[in-house]
C-alpha cells in the first residue's frame, strides 16, 4: 500500500515565539522519526500553496486578506491570547491548506489510497470568521469543501481525535447534512465547545470524555458512538483531524492514551474506508505538544495507513 506524505520546509518558518507549545520542534521530531524509519511505500511530496478559491469556500469574505495582511515583516503579532503570527506564518498557513487539497486530489485520482499531511500550524479551531487556538485557516474543513466542489464528492466524514474539540470544523459544517463531523475530546477543556447535545442537523457527533480517560473508556466510546455513525453515513471520503495530544505525556491535557490507541482507531477508520470510501483517507496533523509522544503516536498512525 502507498501512503502519500505531504510536508514542506516552510512549516518550520511559522514561529509563535519563545516557549510556545506549538513550535517547529514538534514537527521536526516527527519528520526525524519518519526519516529514520524510512518506510517502504511512503511517497513524500511537498505541500503546494493553497489558493484563494480553496480558502474562501470556508472563510468569510475578507478573512484571508486580513489575516495575510497581519503577517509581520519581522517580530511577532499576537492575534488572540494563544495565536501568534511571525514572518513565516503566511506561507506556512497557505501550504497547510495546499497540502490537504493536493492530498485529496491525489487520493481521489487513485495515486494512493490514503495520505498524511505533516503540517503546521493546526487548523481545527479556526472558525469561518476568526483564527484561534494556534490555528489560522480551517485546514480540514477547507479540504472537505474542496473534495465536494472540485471532485463532486457528496458525503465526507471528518473524524477528529484531537484532545481539544474542533470548534472551527464544526462551525463550518453544523448546517450541512452531507458533511459529518465526529469528535472525541476531553471535557471540560479549551475551547469549551463540543457538548454531547451539539448535533448540528444530525451530522455532528460529539463525545466529550472526562480528564484521565484511558484506553478502555476511549475505545468503548469510539465503538459505541463514532464507528456506528460513520458506518451508517457511508462516506465517500474520510478526513482525519489527527491530533495526538490525548497522549498521556501531553502537557496541555490530562487524557491517558498511548500510541497503541492511535493505531487502533486508525485501523478502525481504515476498515470503514475500505468498505465505504474505496480506502480513501486523508489525515492532517493537528495537536500534540510533547514532541517525543507526538512522533511516536503519529508514527503508529502512519504505520497503519501504510498497511504494515
C-alpha atoms as a PDB file:
ATOM      1  CA  UNK A   1       0.000   0.000   0.000  1.00  0.00           C
ATOM      2  CA  UNK A   2       1.233   3.508  -0.857  1.00  0.00           C
ATOM      3  CA  UNK A   3       0.691   6.412   1.524  1.00  0.00           C
ATOM      4  CA  UNK A   4       1.348   9.958   0.382  1.00  0.00           C
ATOM      5  CA  UNK A   5       3.190  12.143   2.880  1.00  0.00           C
ATOM      6  CA  UNK A   6       2.895  15.897   2.388  1.00  0.00           C
ATOM      7  CA  UNK A   7       5.136  18.343   4.208  1.00  0.00           C
ATOM      8  CA  UNK A   8       7.316  21.386   3.461  1.00  0.00           C
ATOM      9  CA  UNK A   9      10.234  23.252   4.984  1.00  0.00           C
ATOM     10  CA  UNK A  10       8.037  26.366   5.158  1.00  0.00           C
ATOM     11  CA  UNK A  11       6.148  24.793   8.054  1.00  0.00           C
ATOM     12  CA  UNK A  12       9.261  25.404  10.152  1.00  0.00           C
ATOM     13  CA  UNK A  13       9.020  29.128   9.438  1.00  0.00           C
ATOM     14  CA  UNK A  14       5.884  29.681  11.490  1.00  0.00           C
ATOM     15  CA  UNK A  15       7.125  30.845  14.903  1.00  0.00           C
ATOM     16  CA  UNK A  16       4.719  31.593  17.732  1.00  0.00           C
ATOM     17  CA  UNK A  17       7.505  32.840  19.980  1.00  0.00           C
ATOM     18  CA  UNK A  18       9.708  31.530  22.817  1.00  0.00           C
ATOM     19  CA  UNK A  19       8.119  28.881  24.983  1.00  0.00           C
ATOM     20  CA  UNK A  20       5.021  28.460  22.831  1.00  0.00           C
ATOM     21  CA  UNK A  21       3.843  24.825  22.794  1.00  0.00           C
ATOM     22  CA  UNK A  22       3.021  24.916  19.072  1.00  0.00           C
ATOM     23  CA  UNK A  23       6.564  25.131  17.767  1.00  0.00           C
ATOM     24  CA  UNK A  24       8.662  23.814  14.911  1.00  0.00           C
ATOM     25  CA  UNK A  25      10.368  21.257  17.149  1.00  0.00           C
ATOM     26  CA  UNK A  26       7.235  19.154  17.441  1.00  0.00           C
ATOM     27  CA  UNK A  27       7.019  18.705  13.674  1.00  0.00           C
ATOM     28  CA  UNK A  28      10.761  18.257  13.274  1.00  0.00           C
ATOM     29  CA  UNK A  29      10.751  15.383  15.766  1.00  0.00           C
ATOM     30  CA  UNK A  30       8.079  13.659  13.696  1.00  0.00           C
ATOM     31  CA  UNK A  31       9.951  14.255  10.436  1.00  0.00           C
ATOM     32  CA  UNK A  32      13.127  12.859  12.000  1.00  0.00           C
ATOM     33  CA  UNK A  33      11.224   9.746  13.103  1.00  0.00           C
ATOM     34  CA  UNK A  34       9.808   9.209   9.618  1.00  0.00           C
ATOM     35  CA  UNK A  35      13.245   9.703   8.032  1.00  0.00           C
ATOM     36  CA  UNK A  36      14.773   7.194  10.442  1.00  0.00           C
ATOM     37  CA  UNK A  37      12.089   4.574   9.775  1.00  0.00           C
ATOM     38  CA  UNK A  38      12.223   5.278   6.004  1.00  0.00           C
ATOM     39  CA  UNK A  39       9.232   3.019   5.325  1.00  0.00           C
ATOM     40  CA  UNK A  40       8.648   1.306   2.011  1.00  0.00           C
ATOM     41  CA  UNK A  41       5.513   2.677   0.388  1.00  0.00           C
ATOM     42  CA  UNK A  42       5.761   6.226   1.712  1.00  0.00           C
ATOM     43  CA  UNK A  43       5.638   8.713  -1.179  1.00  0.00           C
ATOM     44  CA  UNK A  44       6.998  12.044   0.098  1.00  0.00           C
ATOM     45  CA  UNK A  45       5.689  15.192  -1.591  1.00  0.00           C
ATOM     46  CA  UNK A  46       5.952  18.926  -0.993  1.00  0.00           C
ATOM     47  CA  UNK A  47       2.801  20.751   0.040  1.00  0.00           C
ATOM     48  CA  UNK A  48       1.911  23.424  -2.522  1.00  0.00           C
ATOM     49  CA  UNK A  49       0.448  26.818  -1.698  1.00  0.00           C
ATOM     50  CA  UNK A  50      -3.278  26.838  -1.128  1.00  0.00           C
ATOM     51  CA  UNK A  51      -5.388  29.111  -3.303  1.00  0.00           C
ATOM     52  CA  UNK A  52      -7.813  31.896  -2.560  1.00  0.00           C
ATOM     53  CA  UNK A  53     -10.614  29.818  -4.064  1.00  0.00           C
ATOM     54  CA  UNK A  54      -9.923  26.930  -1.682  1.00  0.00           C
ATOM     55  CA  UNK A  55      -9.766  29.121   1.435  1.00  0.00           C
ATOM     56  CA  UNK A  56     -12.765  31.259   0.557  1.00  0.00           C
ATOM     57  CA  UNK A  57     -15.066  28.233   0.374  1.00  0.00           C
ATOM     58  CA  UNK A  58     -14.933  28.110   4.197  1.00  0.00           C
ATOM     59  CA  UNK A  59     -13.808  31.510   5.476  1.00  0.00           C
ATOM     60  CA  UNK A  60     -15.935  34.640   5.230  1.00  0.00           C
ATOM     61  CA  UNK A  61     -15.164  37.345   2.633  1.00  0.00           C
ATOM     62  CA  UNK A  62     -12.107  39.356   3.580  1.00  0.00           C
ATOM     63  CA  UNK A  63     -10.849  36.857   6.177  1.00  0.00           C
ATOM     64  CA  UNK A  64      -7.964  35.558   4.072  1.00  0.00           C
ATOM     65  CA  UNK A  65      -6.817  39.019   3.005  1.00  0.00           C
ATOM     66  CA  UNK A  66      -6.959  40.430   6.516  1.00  0.00           C
ATOM     67  CA  UNK A  67      -5.100  37.509   8.045  1.00  0.00           C
ATOM     68  CA  UNK A  68      -2.308  37.579   5.478  1.00  0.00           C
ATOM     69  CA  UNK A  69      -2.052  41.380   5.746  1.00  0.00           C
ATOM     70  CA  UNK A  70      -1.483  40.973   9.507  1.00  0.00           C
ATOM     71  CA  UNK A  71       1.613  38.789   8.994  1.00  0.00           C
ATOM     72  CA  UNK A  72       4.559  40.915  10.184  1.00  0.00           C
ATOM     73  CA  UNK A  73       7.757  41.577   8.247  1.00  0.00           C
ATOM     74  CA  UNK A  74       9.677  40.971  11.467  1.00  0.00           C
ATOM     75  CA  UNK A  75       8.951  40.009  15.043  1.00  0.00           C
ATOM     76  CA  UNK A  76       5.603  38.704  16.216  1.00  0.00           C
ATOM     77  CA  UNK A  77       1.975  39.807  16.150  1.00  0.00           C
ATOM     78  CA  UNK A  78      -0.447  38.296  18.649  1.00  0.00           C
ATOM     79  CA  UNK A  79      -3.934  37.915  17.180  1.00  0.00           C
ATOM     80  CA  UNK A  80      -5.506  36.312  20.233  1.00  0.00           C
ATOM     81  CA  UNK A  81      -4.344  35.016  23.605  1.00  0.00           C
ATOM     82  CA  UNK A  82      -2.890  31.833  22.078  1.00  0.00           C
ATOM     83  CA  UNK A  83      -2.355  32.584  18.396  1.00  0.00           C
ATOM     84  CA  UNK A  84       0.709  34.420  17.117  1.00  0.00           C
ATOM     85  CA  UNK A  85       1.930  35.410  13.656  1.00  0.00           C
ATOM     86  CA  UNK A  86       5.567  35.630  12.531  1.00  0.00           C
ATOM     87  CA  UNK A  87       7.051  36.462   9.109  1.00  0.00           C
ATOM     88  CA  UNK A  88       6.785  32.811   8.018  1.00  0.00           C
ATOM     89  CA  UNK A  89       3.219  32.276   9.177  1.00  0.00           C
ATOM     90  CA  UNK A  90       1.515  33.257   5.936  1.00  0.00           C
ATOM     91  CA  UNK A  91       3.361  30.749   3.781  1.00  0.00           C
ATOM     92  CA  UNK A  92       3.005  28.014   6.405  1.00  0.00           C
ATOM     93  CA  UNK A  93      -0.737  28.554   6.637  1.00  0.00           C
ATOM     94  CA  UNK A  94      -1.160  28.594   2.870  1.00  0.00           C
ATOM     95  CA  UNK A  95       0.881  25.420   2.437  1.00  0.00           C
ATOM     96  CA  UNK A  96      -1.151  23.671   5.156  1.00  0.00           C
ATOM     97  CA  UNK A  97      -4.227  24.392   3.029  1.00  0.00           C
ATOM     98  CA  UNK A  98      -2.469  23.432  -0.189  1.00  0.00           C
ATOM     99  CA  UNK A  99      -1.178  20.195   1.300  1.00  0.00           C
ATOM    100  CA  UNK A 100      -4.585  18.848   2.292  1.00  0.00           C
ATOM    101  CA  UNK A 101      -6.138  19.855  -1.024  1.00  0.00           C
ATOM    102  CA  UNK A 102      -3.283  18.291  -3.023  1.00  0.00           C
ATOM    103  CA  UNK A 103      -3.558  15.129  -0.930  1.00  0.00           C
ATOM    104  CA  UNK A 104      -7.276  14.925  -1.653  1.00  0.00           C
ATOM    105  CA  UNK A 105      -6.665  15.476  -5.368  1.00  0.00           C
ATOM    106  CA  UNK A 106      -4.099  12.665  -5.457  1.00  0.00           C
ATOM    107  CA  UNK A 107      -6.133  10.197  -3.396  1.00  0.00           C
ATOM    108  CA  UNK A 108      -9.264  10.756  -5.458  1.00  0.00           C
ATOM    109  CA  UNK A 109      -7.188  10.376  -8.645  1.00  0.00           C
ATOM    110  CA  UNK A 110      -6.132   6.946  -7.375  1.00  0.00           C
ATOM    111  CA  UNK A 111      -2.439   7.752  -6.908  1.00  0.00           C
ATOM    112  CA  UNK A 112      -2.672   6.234  -3.416  1.00  0.00           C
ATOM    113  CA  UNK A 113      -5.391   5.029  -1.079  1.00  0.00           C
ATOM    114  CA  UNK A 114      -4.504   7.452   1.672  1.00  0.00           C
ATOM    115  CA  UNK A 115      -2.347  10.407   2.671  1.00  0.00           C
ATOM    116  CA  UNK A 116      -0.942  12.111   5.747  1.00  0.00           C
ATOM    117  CA  UNK A 117      -0.217  15.845   5.876  1.00  0.00           C
ATOM    118  CA  UNK A 118       2.606  16.657   8.307  1.00  0.00           C
ATOM    119  CA  UNK A 119       1.851  20.351   8.501  1.00  0.00           C
ATOM    120  CA  UNK A 120       1.563  23.225  10.938  1.00  0.00           C
ATOM    121  CA  UNK A 121       0.012  25.367  12.240  1.00  0.00           C
ATOM    122  CA  UNK A 122      -3.002  23.200  13.068  1.00  0.00           C
ATOM    123  CA  UNK A 123      -6.417  24.224  11.800  1.00  0.00           C
ATOM    124  CA  UNK A 124      -9.455  22.784  13.539  1.00  0.00           C
ATOM    125  CA  UNK A 125     -10.038  25.728  15.909  1.00  0.00           C
ATOM    126  CA  UNK A 126     -10.093  28.372  13.153  1.00  0.00           C
ATOM    127  CA  UNK A 127     -13.700  29.381  12.637  1.00  0.00           C
ATOM    128  CA  UNK A 128     -15.082  30.793   9.387  1.00  0.00           C
ATOM    129  CA  UNK A 129     -14.706  34.327  10.749  1.00  0.00           C
ATOM    130  CA  UNK A 130     -11.761  34.154  13.153  1.00  0.00           C
ATOM    131  CA  UNK A 131      -8.425  32.448  13.862  1.00  0.00           C
ATOM    132  CA  UNK A 132      -7.980  30.994  17.336  1.00  0.00           C
ATOM    133  CA  UNK A 133      -6.312  28.293  19.395  1.00  0.00           C
ATOM    134  CA  UNK A 134      -2.997  28.272  17.453  1.00  0.00           C
ATOM    135  CA  UNK A 135      -4.977  27.896  14.175  1.00  0.00           C
ATOM    136  CA  UNK A 136      -5.031  30.240  11.173  1.00  0.00           C
ATOM    137  CA  UNK A 137      -7.006  28.518   8.420  1.00  0.00           C
ATOM    138  CA  UNK A 138      -9.571  25.758   8.964  1.00  0.00           C
ATOM    139  CA  UNK A 139      -7.466  23.247   7.076  1.00  0.00           C
ATOM    140  CA  UNK A 140      -9.531  20.060   7.226  1.00  0.00           C
ATOM    141  CA  UNK A 141     -12.786  21.936   6.646  1.00  0.00           C
ATOM    142  CA  UNK A 142     -11.231  23.542   3.571  1.00  0.00           C
ATOM    143  CA  UNK A 143     -10.206  20.073   2.406  1.00  0.00           C
ATOM    144  CA  UNK A 144     -13.754  18.764   2.776  1.00  0.00           C
ATOM    145  CA  UNK A 145     -15.168  21.700   0.838  1.00  0.00           C
ATOM    146  CA  UNK A 146     -12.525  21.194  -1.860  1.00  0.00           C
ATOM    147  CA  UNK A 147     -13.383  17.499  -2.235  1.00  0.00           C
ATOM    148  CA  UNK A 148     -17.015  18.376  -2.784  1.00  0.00           C
ATOM    149  CA  UNK A 149     -16.519  21.367  -5.085  1.00  0.00           C
ATOM    150  CA  UNK A 150     -13.598  20.129  -7.178  1.00  0.00           C
ATOM    151  CA  UNK A 151     -14.388  16.410  -7.327  1.00  0.00           C
ATOM    152  CA  UNK A 152     -18.115  16.046  -6.828  1.00  0.00           C
ATOM    153  CA  UNK A 153     -17.700  14.056  -3.617  1.00  0.00           C
ATOM    154  CA  UNK A 154     -21.023  14.241  -1.826  1.00  0.00           C
ATOM    155  CA  UNK A 155     -20.597  12.630   1.589  1.00  0.00           C
ATOM    156  CA  UNK A 156     -17.486  13.390   3.672  1.00  0.00           C
ATOM    157  CA  UNK A 157     -16.861  12.177   7.211  1.00  0.00           C
ATOM    158  CA  UNK A 158     -14.404  14.102   9.373  1.00  0.00           C
ATOM    159  CA  UNK A 159     -13.186  12.265  12.462  1.00  0.00           C
ATOM    160  CA  UNK A 160     -11.294  14.382  14.979  1.00  0.00           C
ATOM    161  CA  UNK A 161      -9.491  12.614  17.826  1.00  0.00           C
ATOM    162  CA  UNK A 162      -7.505  15.635  18.982  1.00  0.00           C
ATOM    163  CA  UNK A 163      -7.898  16.138  22.733  1.00  0.00           C
ATOM    164  CA  UNK A 164      -9.478  19.555  22.070  1.00  0.00           C
ATOM    165  CA  UNK A 165     -12.822  19.927  20.334  1.00  0.00           C
ATOM    166  CA  UNK A 166     -12.595  21.173  16.744  1.00  0.00           C
ATOM    167  CA  UNK A 167     -14.977  24.083  17.099  1.00  0.00           C
ATOM    168  CA  UNK A 168     -13.906  25.588  13.771  1.00  0.00           C
ATOM    169  CA  UNK A 169     -14.619  22.454  11.782  1.00  0.00           C
ATOM    170  CA  UNK A 170     -17.972  22.017  13.491  1.00  0.00           C
ATOM    171  CA  UNK A 171     -18.874  25.661  12.871  1.00  0.00           C
ATOM    172  CA  UNK A 172     -18.142  25.275   9.160  1.00  0.00           C
ATOM    173  CA  UNK A 173     -20.491  22.313   8.717  1.00  0.00           C
ATOM    174  CA  UNK A 174     -23.054  22.273  11.534  1.00  0.00           C
ATOM    175  CA  UNK A 175     -25.825  23.006   8.996  1.00  0.00           C
ATOM    176  CA  UNK A 176     -24.505  20.759   6.211  1.00  0.00           C
ATOM    177  CA  UNK A 177     -26.133  17.316   6.173  1.00  0.00           C
ATOM    178  CA  UNK A 178     -23.644  15.809   3.722  1.00  0.00           C
ATOM    179  CA  UNK A 179     -20.550  16.548   5.827  1.00  0.00           C
ATOM    180  CA  UNK A 180     -20.333  14.543   9.041  1.00  0.00           C
ATOM    181  CA  UNK A 181     -18.187  15.784  11.932  1.00  0.00           C
ATOM    182  CA  UNK A 182     -17.298  13.379  14.766  1.00  0.00           C
ATOM    183  CA  UNK A 183     -15.105  14.336  17.713  1.00  0.00           C
ATOM    184  CA  UNK A 184     -13.707  12.695  20.824  1.00  0.00           C
ATOM    185  CA  UNK A 185     -12.216  15.253  23.212  1.00  0.00           C
ATOM    186  CA  UNK A 186     -11.509  15.957  26.853  1.00  0.00           C
ATOM    187  CA  UNK A 187     -14.296  17.821  28.635  1.00  0.00           C
ATOM    188  CA  UNK A 188     -14.184  20.403  30.052  1.00  0.00           C
ATOM    189  CA  UNK A 189     -11.209  21.865  28.210  1.00  0.00           C
ATOM    190  CA  UNK A 190     -10.419  24.572  25.670  1.00  0.00           C
ATOM    191  CA  UNK A 191     -12.300  25.802  23.664  1.00  0.00           C
ATOM    192  CA  UNK A 192     -15.341  24.944  25.790  1.00  0.00           C
ATOM    193  CA  UNK A 193     -17.449  23.654  22.909  1.00  0.00           C
ATOM    194  CA  UNK A 194     -18.300  20.071  21.975  1.00  0.00           C
ATOM    195  CA  UNK A 195     -21.092  19.161  24.376  1.00  0.00           C
ATOM    196  CA  UNK A 196     -22.900  15.942  23.547  1.00  0.00           C
ATOM    197  CA  UNK A 197     -26.030  17.951  22.793  1.00  0.00           C
ATOM    198  CA  UNK A 198     -24.314  19.766  19.904  1.00  0.00           C
ATOM    199  CA  UNK A 199     -25.576  17.666  16.999  1.00  0.00           C
ATOM    200  CA  UNK A 200     -25.900  20.137  14.141  1.00  0.00           C
ATOM    201  CA  UNK A 201     -28.587  18.882  11.763  1.00  0.00           C
ATOM    202  CA  UNK A 202     -27.899  15.315  12.815  1.00  0.00           C
ATOM    203  CA  UNK A 203     -24.475  15.402  11.185  1.00  0.00           C
ATOM    204  CA  UNK A 204     -22.399  16.174  14.314  1.00  0.00           C
ATOM    205  CA  UNK A 205     -21.371  13.571  16.888  1.00  0.00           C
ATOM    206  CA  UNK A 206     -19.580  14.925  19.934  1.00  0.00           C
ATOM    207  CA  UNK A 207     -18.163  12.522  22.514  1.00  0.00           C
ATOM    208  CA  UNK A 208     -16.847  14.523  25.484  1.00  0.00           C
ATOM    209  CA  UNK A 209     -14.621  12.462  27.780  1.00  0.00           C
ATOM    210  CA  UNK A 210     -13.501  13.249  31.327  1.00  0.00           C
ATOM    211  CA  UNK A 211      -9.964  14.029  32.379  1.00  0.00           C
ATOM    212  CA  UNK A 212      -7.993  10.872  32.998  1.00  0.00           C
ATOM    213  CA  UNK A 213      -9.772   8.849  30.296  1.00  0.00           C
ATOM    214  CA  UNK A 214      -7.573   5.923  29.291  1.00  0.00           C
ATOM    215  CA  UNK A 215      -7.539   3.270  26.605  1.00  0.00           C
ATOM    216  CA  UNK A 216     -10.528   1.221  27.700  1.00  0.00           C
ATOM    217  CA  UNK A 217     -13.018   4.057  28.078  1.00  0.00           C
ATOM    218  CA  UNK A 218     -11.761   5.763  24.919  1.00  0.00           C
ATOM    219  CA  UNK A 219     -12.126   2.638  22.809  1.00  0.00           C
ATOM    220  CA  UNK A 220     -15.572   1.907  24.223  1.00  0.00           C
ATOM    221  CA  UNK A 221     -16.729   5.433  23.376  1.00  0.00           C
ATOM    222  CA  UNK A 222     -15.407   5.172  19.826  1.00  0.00           C
ATOM    223  CA  UNK A 223     -17.025   1.764  19.324  1.00  0.00           C
ATOM    224  CA  UNK A 224     -20.344   2.950  20.756  1.00  0.00           C
ATOM    225  CA  UNK A 225     -20.710   6.437  19.259  1.00  0.00           C
ATOM    226  CA  UNK A 226     -18.218   7.100  16.484  1.00  0.00           C
ATOM    227  CA  UNK A 227     -17.818   3.975  14.360  1.00  0.00           C
ATOM    228  CA  UNK A 228     -21.539   3.137  14.031  1.00  0.00           C
ATOM    229  CA  UNK A 229     -22.273   6.724  12.975  1.00  0.00           C
ATOM    230  CA  UNK A 230     -19.667   6.578  10.209  1.00  0.00           C
ATOM    231  CA  UNK A 231     -20.950   3.152   9.160  1.00  0.00           C
ATOM    232  CA  UNK A 232     -24.488   4.488   8.814  1.00  0.00           C
ATOM    233  CA  UNK A 233     -23.340   7.618   6.961  1.00  0.00           C
ATOM    234  CA  UNK A 234     -21.329   5.595   4.391  1.00  0.00           C
ATOM    235  CA  UNK A 235     -18.913   8.382   3.397  1.00  0.00           C
ATOM    236  CA  UNK A 236     -17.210   8.596   0.032  1.00  0.00           C
ATOM    237  CA  UNK A 237     -14.125  10.131   1.664  1.00  0.00           C
ATOM    238  CA  UNK A 238     -12.857  10.160   5.241  1.00  0.00           C
ATOM    239  CA  UNK A 239     -10.768  13.035   6.575  1.00  0.00           C
ATOM    240  CA  UNK A 240      -8.962  12.803   9.899  1.00  0.00           C
ATOM    241  CA  UNK A 241      -8.016  15.649  12.205  1.00  0.00           C
ATOM    242  CA  UNK A 242      -5.115  13.698  13.657  1.00  0.00           C
ATOM    243  CA  UNK A 243      -4.238  15.335  16.946  1.00  0.00           C
ATOM    244  CA  UNK A 244      -2.088  13.315  19.336  1.00  0.00           C
ATOM    245  CA  UNK A 245      -2.470  15.464  22.455  1.00  0.00           C
ATOM    246  CA  UNK A 246      -4.731  12.911  24.157  1.00  0.00           C
ATOM    247  CA  UNK A 247      -1.483  11.012  24.807  1.00  0.00           C
ATOM    248  CA  UNK A 248      -0.701  10.538  28.493  1.00  0.00           C
ATOM    249  CA  UNK A 249       2.547  12.528  28.174  1.00  0.00           C
ATOM    250  CA  UNK A 250       0.992  15.635  26.632  1.00  0.00           C
ATOM    251  CA  UNK A 251       1.393  18.791  28.751  1.00  0.00           C
ATOM    252  CA  UNK A 252      -1.806  20.559  27.612  1.00  0.00           C
ATOM    253  CA  UNK A 253      -4.380  17.944  28.648  1.00  0.00           C
ATOM    254  CA  UNK A 254      -4.883  15.019  31.004  1.00  0.00           C
ATOM    255  CA  UNK A 255      -6.194  12.106  29.000  1.00  0.00           C
ATOM    256  CA  UNK A 256      -4.207   8.863  29.218  1.00  0.00           C
ATOM    257  CA  UNK A 257      -3.993   7.419  25.710  1.00  0.00           C
ATOM    258  CA  UNK A 258      -0.954   5.591  24.335  1.00  0.00           C
ATOM    259  CA  UNK A 259       0.463   5.014  20.879  1.00  0.00           C
ATOM    260  CA  UNK A 260      -1.462   1.742  20.575  1.00  0.00           C
ATOM    261  CA  UNK A 261      -4.750   3.622  20.911  1.00  0.00           C
ATOM    262  CA  UNK A 262      -3.957   5.829  17.940  1.00  0.00           C
ATOM    263  CA  UNK A 263      -3.039   2.758  15.907  1.00  0.00           C
ATOM    264  CA  UNK A 264      -6.298   1.107  16.990  1.00  0.00           C
ATOM    265  CA  UNK A 265      -8.565   3.989  15.951  1.00  0.00           C
ATOM    266  CA  UNK A 266      -6.673   4.398  12.679  1.00  0.00           C
ATOM    267  CA  UNK A 267      -7.200   0.709  11.905  1.00  0.00           C
ATOM    268  CA  UNK A 268     -10.920   1.058  12.632  1.00  0.00           C
ATOM    269  CA  UNK A 269     -11.176   4.083  10.348  1.00  0.00           C
ATOM    270  CA  UNK A 270      -9.204   2.282   7.637  1.00  0.00           C
ATOM    271  CA  UNK A 271     -11.642  -0.633   7.804  1.00  0.00           C
ATOM    272  CA  UNK A 272     -14.569   1.750   7.355  1.00  0.00           C
ATOM    273  CA  UNK A 273     -12.837   3.454   4.452  1.00  0.00           C
ATOM    274  CA  UNK A 274     -12.266   0.133   2.733  1.00  0.00           C
ATOM    275  CA  UNK A 275     -15.994  -0.660   2.996  1.00  0.00           C
ATOM    276  CA  UNK A 276     -17.397   2.718   2.014  1.00  0.00           C
ATOM    277  CA  UNK A 277     -14.765   5.074   0.582  1.00  0.00           C
ATOM    278  CA  UNK A 278     -12.587   2.961  -1.720  1.00  0.00           C
ATOM    279  CA  UNK A 279      -9.994   3.136   1.067  1.00  0.00           C
ATOM    280  CA  UNK A 280      -9.743   6.905   0.714  1.00  0.00           C
ATOM    281  CA  UNK A 281      -8.440   8.614   3.850  1.00  0.00           C
ATOM    282  CA  UNK A 282      -6.617  11.937   4.164  1.00  0.00           C
ATOM    283  CA  UNK A 283      -5.243  12.715   7.632  1.00  0.00           C
ATOM    284  CA  UNK A 284      -3.902  16.084   8.754  1.00  0.00           C
ATOM    285  CA  UNK A 285      -1.743  16.723  11.812  1.00  0.00           C
ATOM    286  CA  UNK A 286      -3.458  18.824  14.463  1.00  0.00           C
ATOM    287  CA  UNK A 287      -2.232  18.917  18.077  1.00  0.00           C
ATOM    288  CA  UNK A 288       0.357  17.035  20.085  1.00  0.00           C
ATOM    289  CA  UNK A 289       2.698  19.043  22.290  1.00  0.00           C
ATOM    290  CA  UNK A 290       5.115  16.534  23.740  1.00  0.00           C
ATOM    291  CA  UNK A 291       7.426  16.085  20.726  1.00  0.00           C
ATOM    292  CA  UNK A 292       8.504  12.537  21.568  1.00  0.00           C
ATOM    293  CA  UNK A 293       4.951  11.361  22.251  1.00  0.00           C
ATOM    294  CA  UNK A 294       3.746  13.141  19.129  1.00  0.00           C
ATOM    295  CA  UNK A 295       6.341  11.460  16.936  1.00  0.00           C
ATOM    296  CA  UNK A 296       5.661   8.009  18.385  1.00  0.00           C
ATOM    297  CA  UNK A 297       1.881   8.401  18.131  1.00  0.00           C
ATOM    298  CA  UNK A 298       1.914   9.844  14.625  1.00  0.00           C
ATOM    299  CA  UNK A 299       4.228   7.038  13.547  1.00  0.00           C
ATOM    300  CA  UNK A 300       1.761   4.470  14.941  1.00  0.00           C
ATOM    301  CA  UNK A 301      -0.999   6.182  12.948  1.00  0.00           C
ATOM    302  CA  UNK A 302       1.108   6.342   9.799  1.00  0.00           C
ATOM    303  CA  UNK A 303       2.202   2.737  10.131  1.00  0.00           C
ATOM    304  CA  UNK A 304      -1.438   1.610   9.972  1.00  0.00           C
ATOM    305  CA  UNK A 305      -2.114   3.821   6.955  1.00  0.00           C
ATOM    306  CA  UNK A 306       0.828   2.133   5.253  1.00  0.00           C
ATOM    307  CA  UNK A 307      -0.783  -1.221   5.930  1.00  0.00           C
ATOM    308  CA  UNK A 308       2.245  -2.649   7.736  1.00  0.00           C
END
